[in-house]
Amino acid sequence: MKIVIIGIGKMGSWLTNSLHDDNEIAIYDTDQKRRGDVKGVAVISSLSEIEIFRPDILINAVDLKNTIRTFDEVSPYVSEKCILADVASIKGDLSTYYYKSGHRFISTHPMFGPTNANMYSPRGENAIIIRESDETGKEMFRDFYRQMGLKIYEFSFAEHDSMMAYSLTLPFSSSMVFAACVDTLAVPGTNFRRHMELARGLLSEDDGLLSEILFNPKSIAQLEKITSRLEFLKHIIKDRDYEEAGKFFDKLRENIGR
């Protein structure tokens, strides 16, 4: 299959290196240095060259805020038969865009890379395929993910963004609150160090990615849940209520399966 990958950041690089053995790959990135970092594939220096390459599928791996704009920019250079693809962590308005575009599409989300996963040894990690996607594109990514040893899930566009608010916003915002309260003069214990490692991993990520996760319209509900639980914990602490604290701890253990 002939595939163009646009955006050679962490995810774009992983896709390029993982797909190029079994496919004919061409890459494009506005950052010329990134283009030179990937070997063994064709390098496109201008978007107009996509028309010459004639891809069967075009994978858009730029950051979310530029995803639709990038699709608009490349649309004059792809045939009607070309399948459009994205790997965005939040789908937002992409469903509306796809339906208006007239192109077949495959929307997916490899749920690893940011923070703690090893992108080049992702076996056992999860990947989501959007249910409304084109069947040909879905089958291509199913085969690819199976070869990589990933667990595959299917959600609708709406279900995906609701799930991401829970799966990403909840731990991301918790780590950010921890980082906001860190005192560099403190002597850390074991649990503190573990939290610090999580926070450092998270904050090593690109600001655009972190913003995408937090700006998910579904995120506010998760943040309100966090603040509600914190207020309840404050109430227990202020009252020094051992009985209520015990019930609270039991509920926490139940939530995490302990």
Protein backbone atom coordinates (compact mmCIF):
# COMPACT_ATOMS: atom_id res chain seq x y z
CA MET A 1 0.00 0.00 0.00
CA LYS A 2 1.20 3.53 -0.76
CA ILE A 3 1.01 5.69 2.36
CA VAL A 4 1.81 9.36 2.96
CA ILE A 5 2.45 10.34 6.58
CA ILE A 6 2.28 14.03 7.43
CA GLY A 7 3.82 15.19 10.69
CA ILE A 8 6.96 13.37 11.80
CA GLY A 9 6.80 13.90 15.53
CA LYS A 10 6.79 11.00 18.01
CA MET A 11 3.69 9.32 16.63
CA GLY A 12 4.46 10.07 12.99
CA SER A 13 7.97 8.67 13.38
CA TRP A 14 6.64 5.54 15.05
CA LEU A 15 4.11 4.98 12.26
CA THR A 16 6.77 5.54 9.60
CA ASN A 17 9.26 3.12 11.13
CA SER A 18 6.59 0.51 11.87
CA LEU A 19 4.84 0.59 8.49
CA HIS A 20 7.66 1.02 6.00
CA ASP A 21 8.70 -2.65 5.77
CA ASP A 22 5.37 -3.72 4.26
CA ASN A 23 4.32 -0.52 2.49
CA GLU A 24 5.65 2.22 0.24
CA ILE A 25 5.95 5.25 2.49
CA ALA A 26 6.42 8.94 1.81
CA ILE A 27 6.72 11.50 4.60
CA TYR A 28 6.24 15.23 4.91
CA ASP A 29 6.90 17.67 7.73
CA THR A 30 7.29 21.44 7.71
CA ASP A 31 10.39 20.91 9.88
CA GLN A 32 13.12 19.87 7.42
CA LYS A 33 15.25 18.36 10.20
CA ARG A 34 12.50 15.90 11.09
CA ARG A 35 12.32 14.76 7.48
CA GLY A 36 16.02 13.94 7.54
CA ASP A 37 15.76 11.95 10.78
CA VAL A 38 13.75 9.13 9.15
CA LYS A 39 15.59 6.72 6.85
CA GLY A 40 14.44 4.30 4.15
CA VAL A 41 11.37 6.21 2.98
CA ALA A 42 10.58 8.81 0.33
CA VAL A 43 10.70 12.42 1.51
CA ILE A 44 8.20 14.92 0.13
CA SER A 45 9.47 18.49 0.10
CA SER A 46 6.17 20.16 -0.90
CA LEU A 47 2.54 19.15 -0.58
CA SER A 48 2.06 19.21 -4.34
CA GLU A 49 4.32 16.15 -4.60
CA ILE A 50 1.59 14.11 -2.89
CA GLU A 51 -0.33 14.20 -6.17
CA ILE A 52 2.63 12.58 -7.95
CA PHE A 53 3.00 9.89 -5.25
CA ARG A 54 -0.75 9.03 -5.45
CA PRO A 55 -1.22 7.53 -1.95
CA ASP A 56 -3.86 4.95 -1.13
CA ILE A 57 -4.02 6.36 2.38
CA LEU A 58 -2.88 9.67 3.88
CA ILE A 59 -2.16 9.61 7.62
CA ASN A 60 -2.35 13.02 9.28
CA ALA A 61 -0.16 12.91 12.41
CA VAL A 62 0.17 16.63 13.13
CA ASP A 63 -1.09 18.09 16.42
CA LEU A 64 -4.84 18.35 16.90
CA LYS A 65 -5.14 22.10 16.49
CA ASN A 66 -3.62 21.79 13.01
CA THR A 67 -5.22 18.52 11.90
CA ILE A 68 -8.22 19.91 9.99
CA ARG A 69 -6.17 22.76 8.52
CA THR A 70 -3.63 20.23 7.25
CA PHE A 71 -6.37 18.11 5.67
CA ASP A 72 -7.64 21.25 3.92
CA GLU A 73 -4.15 22.02 2.62
CA VAL A 74 -3.54 18.53 1.20
CA SER A 75 -7.04 17.93 -0.20
CA PRO A 76 -6.22 19.40 -3.65
CA TYR A 77 -3.45 16.82 -4.05
CA VAL A 78 -5.20 13.56 -3.11
CA SER A 79 -7.54 11.54 -5.30
CA GLU A 80 -11.13 10.77 -4.39
CA LYS A 81 -10.07 7.17 -3.75
CA CYS A 82 -7.48 8.14 -1.12
CA ILE A 83 -8.48 7.24 2.43
CA LEU A 84 -7.86 10.03 4.95
CA ALA A 85 -6.60 8.97 8.37
CA ASP A 86 -5.87 10.63 11.70
CA VAL A 87 -4.34 9.47 14.98
CA ALA A 88 -5.63 12.36 17.08
CA SER A 89 -5.94 11.86 20.83
CA ILE A 90 -9.15 13.93 20.87
CA LYS A 91 -11.49 13.70 17.88
CA GLY A 92 -13.49 16.92 18.40
CA ASP A 93 -14.80 18.23 15.06
CA LEU A 94 -13.08 15.59 12.93
CA SER A 95 -16.27 13.58 12.43
CA THR A 96 -18.02 16.61 10.93
CA TYR A 97 -15.02 17.32 8.72
CA TYR A 98 -14.83 13.78 7.39
CA TYR A 99 -18.50 13.60 6.48
CA LYS A 100 -18.28 16.91 4.62
CA SER A 101 -15.05 15.95 2.83
CA GLY A 102 -16.61 13.12 0.82
CA HIS A 103 -13.50 10.98 1.39
CA ARG A 104 -13.42 7.60 3.00
CA PHE A 105 -11.66 7.87 6.34
CA ILE A 106 -10.10 5.91 9.16
CA SER A 107 -9.85 7.55 12.57
CA THR A 108 -7.77 5.77 15.18
CA HIS A 109 -5.85 6.43 18.39
CA PRO A 110 -2.78 4.42 19.47
CA MET A 111 -3.00 4.95 23.21
CA PHE A 112 0.67 4.95 24.06
CA GLY A 113 3.72 7.11 23.64
CA PRO A 114 2.92 10.06 25.87
CA THR A 115 4.56 10.01 29.30
CA ASN A 116 5.49 6.45 30.20
CA ALA A 117 5.00 3.92 27.38
CA ASN A 118 7.79 2.62 25.16
CA MET A 119 6.64 3.48 21.65
CA TYR A 120 9.07 1.07 20.05
CA SER A 121 8.03 -1.89 22.18
CA PRO A 122 4.29 -1.32 22.59
CA ARG A 123 3.13 -4.95 22.89
CA GLY A 124 0.21 -5.15 25.31
CA GLU A 125 -0.67 -1.45 24.92
CA ASN A 126 -4.10 -0.34 23.68
CA ALA A 127 -5.32 1.16 20.42
CA ILE A 128 -8.76 2.51 19.52
CA ILE A 129 -10.41 2.39 16.10
CA ILE A 130 -13.38 4.66 15.52
CA ARG A 131 -16.47 2.63 14.66
CA GLU A 132 -17.72 4.97 11.92
CA SER A 133 -14.50 4.56 9.90
CA ASP A 134 -14.25 2.97 6.44
CA GLU A 135 -14.05 -0.83 6.60
CA THR A 136 -10.98 -1.04 4.34
CA GLY A 137 -9.10 1.41 6.55
CA LYS A 138 -10.25 -0.35 9.70
CA GLU A 139 -9.00 -3.70 8.46
CA MET A 140 -5.63 -2.23 7.49
CA PHE A 141 -5.14 -0.80 10.99
CA ARG A 142 -6.49 -3.92 12.68
CA ASP A 143 -3.87 -6.01 10.90
CA PHE A 144 -1.16 -3.49 11.73
CA TYR A 145 -2.10 -3.29 15.41
CA ARG A 146 -2.30 -7.09 15.71
CA GLN A 147 1.20 -7.38 14.28
CA MET A 148 2.38 -4.90 16.91
CA GLY A 149 0.72 -6.93 19.69
CA LEU A 150 -1.76 -4.20 20.63
CA LYS A 151 -5.18 -4.66 22.23
CA ILE A 152 -7.80 -3.21 19.90
CA TYR A 153 -11.02 -1.47 20.95
CA GLU A 154 -13.77 0.16 18.89
CA PHE A 155 -15.65 3.26 19.97
CA SER A 156 -17.78 5.85 18.21
CA PHE A 157 -16.41 9.39 17.87
CA ALA A 158 -18.52 10.55 20.83
CA GLU A 159 -17.66 7.53 22.98
CA HIS A 160 -13.95 8.04 22.28
CA ASP A 161 -13.82 11.62 23.56
CA SER A 162 -15.85 10.74 26.65
CA MET A 163 -13.48 7.87 27.37
CA MET A 164 -10.43 10.10 26.86
CA ALA A 165 -11.72 12.60 29.40
CA TYR A 166 -11.70 9.77 31.93
CA SER A 167 -8.59 7.93 30.73
CA LEU A 168 -6.35 10.95 30.07
CA THR A 169 -7.75 14.12 31.66
CA LEU A 170 -8.21 12.48 35.06
CA PRO A 171 -4.59 11.28 35.53
CA PHE A 172 -3.08 14.24 33.65
CA SER A 173 -4.83 16.86 35.77
CA SER A 174 -4.06 14.94 38.98
CA SER A 175 -0.35 14.93 38.12
CA MET A 176 -0.48 18.63 37.25
CA VAL A 177 -2.07 19.48 40.60
CA PHE A 178 0.69 17.49 42.31
CA ALA A 179 3.35 19.37 40.33
CA ALA A 180 1.73 22.70 41.18
CA CYS A 181 2.11 21.92 44.90
CA VAL A 182 5.69 20.61 44.82
CA ASP A 183 8.13 22.26 47.21
CA THR A 184 11.66 21.77 45.89
CA LEU A 185 13.07 22.03 49.42
CA ALA A 186 11.05 19.06 50.73
CA VAL A 187 12.71 15.75 51.62
CA PRO A 188 10.80 13.22 49.47
CA GLY A 189 9.60 9.80 50.58
CA THR A 190 9.10 6.80 48.29
CA ASN A 191 5.53 7.64 47.26
CA PHE A 192 6.51 11.25 46.66
CA ARG A 193 9.33 10.17 44.34
CA ARG A 194 6.97 7.93 42.37
CA HIS A 195 4.51 10.78 41.91
CA MET A 196 7.39 13.03 40.91
CA GLU A 197 8.47 10.57 38.20
CA LEU A 198 4.94 10.53 36.77
CA ALA A 199 4.73 14.31 36.81
CA ARG A 200 8.13 14.72 35.14
CA GLY A 201 7.19 12.24 32.45
CA LEU A 202 3.93 14.02 31.80
CA LEU A 203 5.48 17.48 31.67
CA SER A 204 8.18 16.32 29.26
CA GLU A 205 5.41 16.14 26.65
CA ASP A 206 4.66 18.84 24.11
CA ASP A 207 2.45 21.69 25.38
CA GLY A 208 0.17 21.21 22.40
CA LEU A 209 -0.56 17.59 23.33
CA LEU A 210 -1.23 18.46 26.97
CA SER A 211 -3.55 21.27 25.90
CA GLU A 212 -5.42 18.97 23.49
CA ILE A 213 -6.16 16.57 26.32
CA LEU A 214 -7.27 19.25 28.76
CA PHE A 215 -9.33 21.19 26.20
CA ASN A 216 -11.45 18.15 25.39
CA PRO A 217 -15.03 19.45 25.93
CA LYS A 218 -15.64 16.39 28.11
CA SER A 219 -12.77 17.30 30.47
CA ILE A 220 -14.68 19.72 32.69
CA ALA A 221 -16.88 16.95 34.09
CA GLN A 222 -13.77 15.03 35.19
CA LEU A 223 -12.23 18.13 36.75
CA GLU A 224 -15.46 18.80 38.64
CA LYS A 225 -15.34 15.23 39.92
CA ILE A 226 -11.78 15.80 41.19
CA THR A 227 -12.68 19.05 42.98
CA SER A 228 -15.79 17.42 44.48
CA ARG A 229 -13.74 14.54 45.90
CA LEU A 230 -11.11 16.95 47.24
CA GLU A 231 -13.79 18.99 49.02
CA PHE A 232 -15.15 15.81 50.60
CA LEU A 233 -11.64 14.81 51.71
CA LYS A 234 -11.15 18.27 53.23
CA HIS A 235 -14.40 17.83 55.13
CA ILE A 236 -13.21 14.49 56.58
CA ILE A 237 -9.85 15.94 57.57
CA LYS A 238 -11.28 19.08 59.19
CA ASP A 239 -13.70 16.99 61.28
CA ARG A 240 -11.05 14.34 62.07
CA ASP A 241 -13.81 11.84 61.34
CA TYR A 242 -12.18 8.39 61.60
CA GLU A 243 -15.39 6.53 60.79
CA GLU A 244 -16.00 8.53 57.62
CA ALA A 245 -12.32 8.24 56.70
CA GLY A 246 -12.56 4.44 56.96
CA LYS A 247 -15.59 4.40 54.65
CA PHE A 248 -13.74 6.68 52.23
CA PHE A 249 -10.65 4.43 52.17
CA ASP A 250 -12.86 1.35 51.63
CA LYS A 251 -14.48 3.06 48.66
CA LEU A 252 -11.09 3.96 47.20
CA ARG A 253 -9.91 0.35 47.51
CA GLU A 254 -13.12 -0.85 45.86
CA ASN A 255 -12.58 1.61 42.98
CA ILE A 256 -9.09 0.31 42.24
CA GLY A 257 -9.95 -3.34 42.77
CA ARG A 258 -8.10 -3.85 46.06
